[in-house]
Amino acid sequence: MYKRGVSAGLSLFAIIGVMALLSACHTTAGAGRDISQTGKAITNSANANTP
């Protein structure tokens, strides 16, 4: 009986951990795209305002 509870608890912990890692990947990818777009905007602005 005790083993079953521990096994269920560890399974739940593993599922939550995997979900956190997967959501972090999407968040990191989105942040990378935002930073890239910001860099492009700065470059375009600098090129447009160069005398």
PDB file of N, CA and C in Angstrom:
ATOM      1  N   MET A   1       0.826  -1.195   0.000  1.00  0.00           N
ATOM      2  CA  MET A   1       0.000   0.000   0.000  1.00  0.00           C
ATOM      3  C   MET A   1       0.868   1.256   0.000  1.00  0.00           C
ATOM      4  N   TYR A   2       1.912   1.267   0.815  1.00  0.00           N
ATOM      5  CA  TYR A   2       2.789   2.435   0.909  1.00  0.00           C
ATOM      6  C   TYR A   2       3.544   2.652  -0.401  1.00  0.00           C
ATOM      7  N   LYS A   3       3.990   1.544  -1.038  1.00  0.00           N
ATOM      8  CA  LYS A   3       4.722   1.653  -2.304  1.00  0.00           C
ATOM      9  C   LYS A   3       3.863   2.289  -3.383  1.00  0.00           C
ATOM     10  N   ARG A   4       2.591   1.985  -3.378  1.00  0.00           N
ATOM     11  CA  ARG A   4       1.679   2.520  -4.386  1.00  0.00           C
ATOM     12  C   ARG A   4       1.562   4.039  -4.258  1.00  0.00           C
ATOM     13  N   GLY A   5       1.480   4.540  -3.058  1.00  0.00           N
ATOM     14  CA  GLY A   5       1.388   5.978  -2.823  1.00  0.00           C
ATOM     15  C   GLY A   5       2.665   6.697  -3.221  1.00  0.00           C
ATOM     16  N   VAL A   6       3.794   6.100  -2.905  1.00  0.00           N
ATOM     17  CA  VAL A   6       5.075   6.692  -3.265  1.00  0.00           C
ATOM     18  C   VAL A   6       5.226   6.702  -4.782  1.00  0.00           C
ATOM     19  N   SER A   7       4.842   5.614  -5.416  1.00  0.00           N
ATOM     20  CA  SER A   7       4.930   5.524  -6.876  1.00  0.00           C
ATOM     21  C   SER A   7       4.042   6.565  -7.541  1.00  0.00           C
ATOM     22  N   ALA A   8       2.846   6.746  -7.044  1.00  0.00           N
ATOM     23  CA  ALA A   8       1.935   7.744  -7.605  1.00  0.00           C
ATOM     24  C   ALA A   8       2.480   9.150  -7.383  1.00  0.00           C
ATOM     25  N   GLY A   9       3.044   9.390  -6.221  1.00  0.00           N
ATOM     26  CA  GLY A   9       3.628  10.700  -5.923  1.00  0.00           C
ATOM     27  C   GLY A   9       4.808  11.013  -6.829  1.00  0.00           C
ATOM     28  N   LEU A  10       5.676  10.036  -7.049  1.00  0.00           N
ATOM     29  CA  LEU A  10       6.824  10.245  -7.927  1.00  0.00           C
ATOM     30  C   LEU A  10       6.380  10.447  -9.371  1.00  0.00           C
ATOM     31  N   SER A  11       5.367   9.722  -9.797  1.00  0.00           N
ATOM     32  CA  SER A  11       4.850   9.890 -11.155  1.00  0.00           C
ATOM     33  C   SER A  11       4.285  11.294 -11.337  1.00  0.00           C
ATOM     34  N   LEU A  12       3.529  11.758 -10.360  1.00  0.00           N
ATOM     35  CA  LEU A  12       2.960  13.101 -10.425  1.00  0.00           C
ATOM     36  C   LEU A  12       4.067  14.153 -10.452  1.00  0.00           C
ATOM     37  N   PHE A  13       5.086  13.959  -9.631  1.00  0.00           N
ATOM     38  CA  PHE A  13       6.225  14.873  -9.596  1.00  0.00           C
ATOM     39  C   PHE A  13       6.935  14.905 -10.945  1.00  0.00           C
ATOM     40  N   ALA A  14       7.116  13.756 -11.577  1.00  0.00           N
ATOM     41  CA  ALA A  14       7.777  13.682 -12.883  1.00  0.00           C
ATOM     42  C   ALA A  14       6.951  14.386 -13.955  1.00  0.00           C
ATOM     43  N   ILE A  15       5.651  14.196 -13.934  1.00  0.00           N
ATOM     44  CA  ILE A  15       4.777  14.841 -14.921  1.00  0.00           C
ATOM     45  C   ILE A  15       4.825  16.353 -14.771  1.00  0.00           C
ATOM     46  N   ILE A  16       4.777  16.838 -13.552  1.00  0.00           N
ATOM     47  CA  ILE A  16       4.844  18.278 -13.307  1.00  0.00           C
ATOM     48  C   ILE A  16       6.190  18.826 -13.762  1.00  0.00           C
ATOM     49  N   GLY A  17       7.269  18.095 -13.523  1.00  0.00           N
ATOM     50  CA  GLY A  17       8.596  18.524 -13.940  1.00  0.00           C
ATOM     51  C   GLY A  17       8.713  18.610 -15.455  1.00  0.00           C
ATOM     52  N   VAL A  18       8.164  17.629 -16.148  1.00  0.00           N
ATOM     53  CA  VAL A  18       8.208  17.634 -17.609  1.00  0.00           C
ATOM     54  C   VAL A  18       7.389  18.798 -18.153  1.00  0.00           C
ATOM     55  N   MET A  19       6.240  19.054 -17.569  1.00  0.00           N
ATOM     56  CA  MET A  19       5.405  20.174 -18.013  1.00  0.00           C
ATOM     57  C   MET A  19       6.143  21.499 -17.831  1.00  0.00           C
ATOM     58  N   ALA A  20       6.839  21.651 -16.729  1.00  0.00           N
ATOM     59  CA  ALA A  20       7.583  22.882 -16.470  1.00  0.00           C
ATOM     60  C   ALA A  20       8.703  23.060 -17.493  1.00  0.00           C
ATOM     61  N   LEU A  21       9.393  21.979 -17.815  1.00  0.00           N
ATOM     62  CA  LEU A  21      10.475  22.066 -18.802  1.00  0.00           C
ATOM     63  C   LEU A  21       9.937  22.407 -20.181  1.00  0.00           C
ATOM     64  N   LEU A  22       8.829  21.813 -20.560  1.00  0.00           N
ATOM     65  CA  LEU A  22       8.270  22.086 -21.876  1.00  0.00           C
ATOM     66  C   LEU A  22       7.775  23.525 -21.983  1.00  0.00           C
ATOM     67  N   SER A  23       7.171  24.030 -20.930  1.00  0.00           N
ATOM     68  CA  SER A  23       6.707  25.416 -20.982  1.00  0.00           C
ATOM     69  C   SER A  23       7.883  26.380 -20.990  1.00  0.00           C
ATOM     70  N   ALA A  24       8.963  26.032 -20.329  1.00  0.00           N
ATOM     71  CA  ALA A  24      10.155  26.882 -20.329  1.00  0.00           C
ATOM     72  C   ALA A  24      10.759  26.959 -21.721  1.00  0.00           C
ATOM     73  N   CYS A  25      10.712  25.869 -22.465  1.00  0.00           N
ATOM     74  CA  CYS A  25      11.250  25.888 -23.836  1.00  0.00           C
ATOM     75  C   CYS A  25      10.480  26.884 -24.694  1.00  0.00           C
ATOM     76  N   HIS A  26       9.172  26.878 -24.579  1.00  0.00           N
ATOM     77  CA  HIS A  26       8.366  27.799 -25.372  1.00  0.00           C
ATOM     78  C   HIS A  26       8.610  29.241 -24.934  1.00  0.00           C
ATOM     79  N   THR A  27       8.757  29.456 -23.656  1.00  0.00           N
ATOM     80  CA  THR A  27       9.002  30.800 -23.148  1.00  0.00           C
ATOM     81  C   THR A  27      10.353  31.310 -23.616  1.00  0.00           C
ATOM     82  N   THR A  28      11.368  30.472 -23.575  1.00  0.00           N
ATOM     83  CA  THR A  28      12.705  30.855 -24.004  1.00  0.00           C
ATOM     84  C   THR A  28      12.727  31.156 -25.494  1.00  0.00           C
ATOM     85  N   ALA A  29      12.038  30.344 -26.278  1.00  0.00           N
ATOM     86  CA  ALA A  29      11.983  30.573 -27.722  1.00  0.00           C
ATOM     87  C   ALA A  29      11.289  31.902 -28.020  1.00  0.00           C
ATOM     88  N   GLY A  30      10.231  32.184 -27.325  1.00  0.00           N
ATOM     89  CA  GLY A  30       9.510  33.445 -27.515  1.00  0.00           C
ATOM     90  C   GLY A  30      10.361  34.637 -27.122  1.00  0.00           C
ATOM     91  N   ALA A  31      11.094  34.516 -26.033  1.00  0.00           N
ATOM     92  CA  ALA A  31      11.969  35.610 -25.605  1.00  0.00           C
ATOM     93  C   ALA A  31      13.081  35.828 -26.623  1.00  0.00           C
ATOM     94  N   GLY A  32      13.606  34.763 -27.180  1.00  0.00           N
ATOM     95  CA  GLY A  32      14.646  34.881 -28.199  1.00  0.00           C
ATOM     96  C   GLY A  32      14.133  35.605 -29.434  1.00  0.00           C
ATOM     97  N   ARG A  33      12.907  35.296 -29.842  1.00  0.00           N
ATOM     98  CA  ARG A  33      12.313  35.983 -31.000  1.00  0.00           C
ATOM     99  C   ARG A  33      12.112  37.463 -30.704  1.00  0.00           C
ATOM    100  N   ASP A  34      11.638  37.776 -29.499  1.00  0.00           N
ATOM    101  CA  ASP A  34      11.422  39.181 -29.123  1.00  0.00           C
ATOM    102  C   ASP A  34      12.734  39.955 -29.128  1.00  0.00           C
ATOM    103  N   ILE A  35      13.781  39.367 -28.586  1.00  0.00           N
ATOM    104  CA  ILE A  35      15.082  40.030 -28.535  1.00  0.00           C
ATOM    105  C   ILE A  35      15.617  40.227 -29.953  1.00  0.00           C
ATOM    106  N   SER A  36      15.431  39.228 -30.796  1.00  0.00           N
ATOM    107  CA  SER A  36      15.884  39.327 -32.184  1.00  0.00           C
ATOM    108  C   SER A  36      15.149  40.452 -32.915  1.00  0.00           C
ATOM    109  N   GLN A  37      13.848  40.540 -32.722  1.00  0.00           N
ATOM    110  CA  GLN A  37      13.069  41.594 -33.377  1.00  0.00           C
ATOM    111  C   GLN A  37      13.476  42.973 -32.867  1.00  0.00           C
ATOM    112  N   THR A  38      13.787  43.073 -31.589  1.00  0.00           N
ATOM    113  CA  THR A  38      14.240  44.348 -31.028  1.00  0.00           C
ATOM    114  C   THR A  38      15.579  44.748 -31.651  1.00  0.00           C
ATOM    115  N   GLY A  39      16.483  43.802 -31.793  1.00  0.00           N
ATOM    116  CA  GLY A  39      17.770  44.075 -32.422  1.00  0.00           C
ATOM    117  C   GLY A  39      17.614  44.533 -33.861  1.00  0.00           C
ATOM    118  N   LYS A  40      16.708  43.896 -34.586  1.00  0.00           N
ATOM    119  CA  LYS A  40      16.458  44.293 -35.978  1.00  0.00           C
ATOM    120  C   LYS A  40      15.879  45.711 -36.045  1.00  0.00           C
ATOM    121  N   ALA A  41      14.982  46.036 -35.123  1.00  0.00           N
ATOM    122  CA  ALA A  41      14.388  47.374 -35.101  1.00  0.00           C
ATOM    123  C   ALA A  41      15.451  48.435 -34.814  1.00  0.00           C
ATOM    124  N   ILE A  42      16.366  48.138 -33.899  1.00  0.00           N
ATOM    125  CA  ILE A  42      17.442  49.083 -33.579  1.00  0.00           C
ATOM    126  C   ILE A  42      18.357  49.264 -34.788  1.00  0.00           C
ATOM    127  N   THR A  43      18.693  48.158 -35.449  1.00  0.00           N
ATOM    128  CA  THR A  43      19.543  48.237 -36.637  1.00  0.00           C
ATOM    129  C   THR A  43      18.875  49.041 -37.742  1.00  0.00           C
ATOM    130  N   ASN A  44      17.604  48.793 -37.984  1.00  0.00           N
ATOM    131  CA  ASN A  44      16.883  49.527 -39.013  1.00  0.00           C
ATOM    132  C   ASN A  44      16.817  51.020 -38.695  1.00  0.00           C
ATOM    133  N   SER A  45      16.590  51.345 -37.427  1.00  0.00           N
ATOM    134  CA  SER A  45      16.523  52.733 -37.003  1.00  0.00           C
ATOM    135  C   SER A  45      17.880  53.411 -37.168  1.00  0.00           C
ATOM    136  N   ALA A  46      18.939  52.694 -36.823  1.00  0.00           N
ATOM    137  CA  ALA A  46      20.278  53.267 -36.969  1.00  0.00           C
ATOM    138  C   ALA A  46      20.617  53.488 -38.432  1.00  0.00           C
ATOM    139  N   ASN A  47      20.256  52.546 -39.284  1.00  0.00           N
ATOM    140  CA  ASN A  47      20.517  52.696 -40.718  1.00  0.00           C
ATOM    141  C   ASN A  47      19.710  53.849 -41.312  1.00  0.00           C
ATOM    142  N   ALA A  48      18.491  54.017 -40.876  1.00  0.00           N
ATOM    143  CA  ALA A  48      17.630  55.073 -41.401  1.00  0.00           C
ATOM    144  C   ALA A  48      18.085  56.455 -40.959  1.00  0.00           C
ATOM    145  N   ASN A  49      18.715  56.538 -39.811  1.00  0.00           N
ATOM    146  CA  ASN A  49      19.113  57.835 -39.264  1.00  0.00           C
ATOM    147  C   ASN A  49      20.602  58.137 -39.435  1.00  0.00           C
ATOM    148  N   THR A  50      21.300  57.361 -40.230  1.00  0.00           N
ATOM    149  CA  THR A  50      22.708  57.608 -40.493  1.00  0.00           C
ATOM    150  C   THR A  50      22.820  58.722 -41.546  1.00  0.00           C
ATOM    151  N   PRO A  51      23.604  59.743 -41.246  1.00  0.00           N
ATOM    152  CA  PRO A  51      23.709  60.853 -42.211  1.00  0.00           C
ATOM    153  C   PRO A  51      24.467  60.475 -43.466  1.00  0.00           C
TER     154      PRO A  51
END
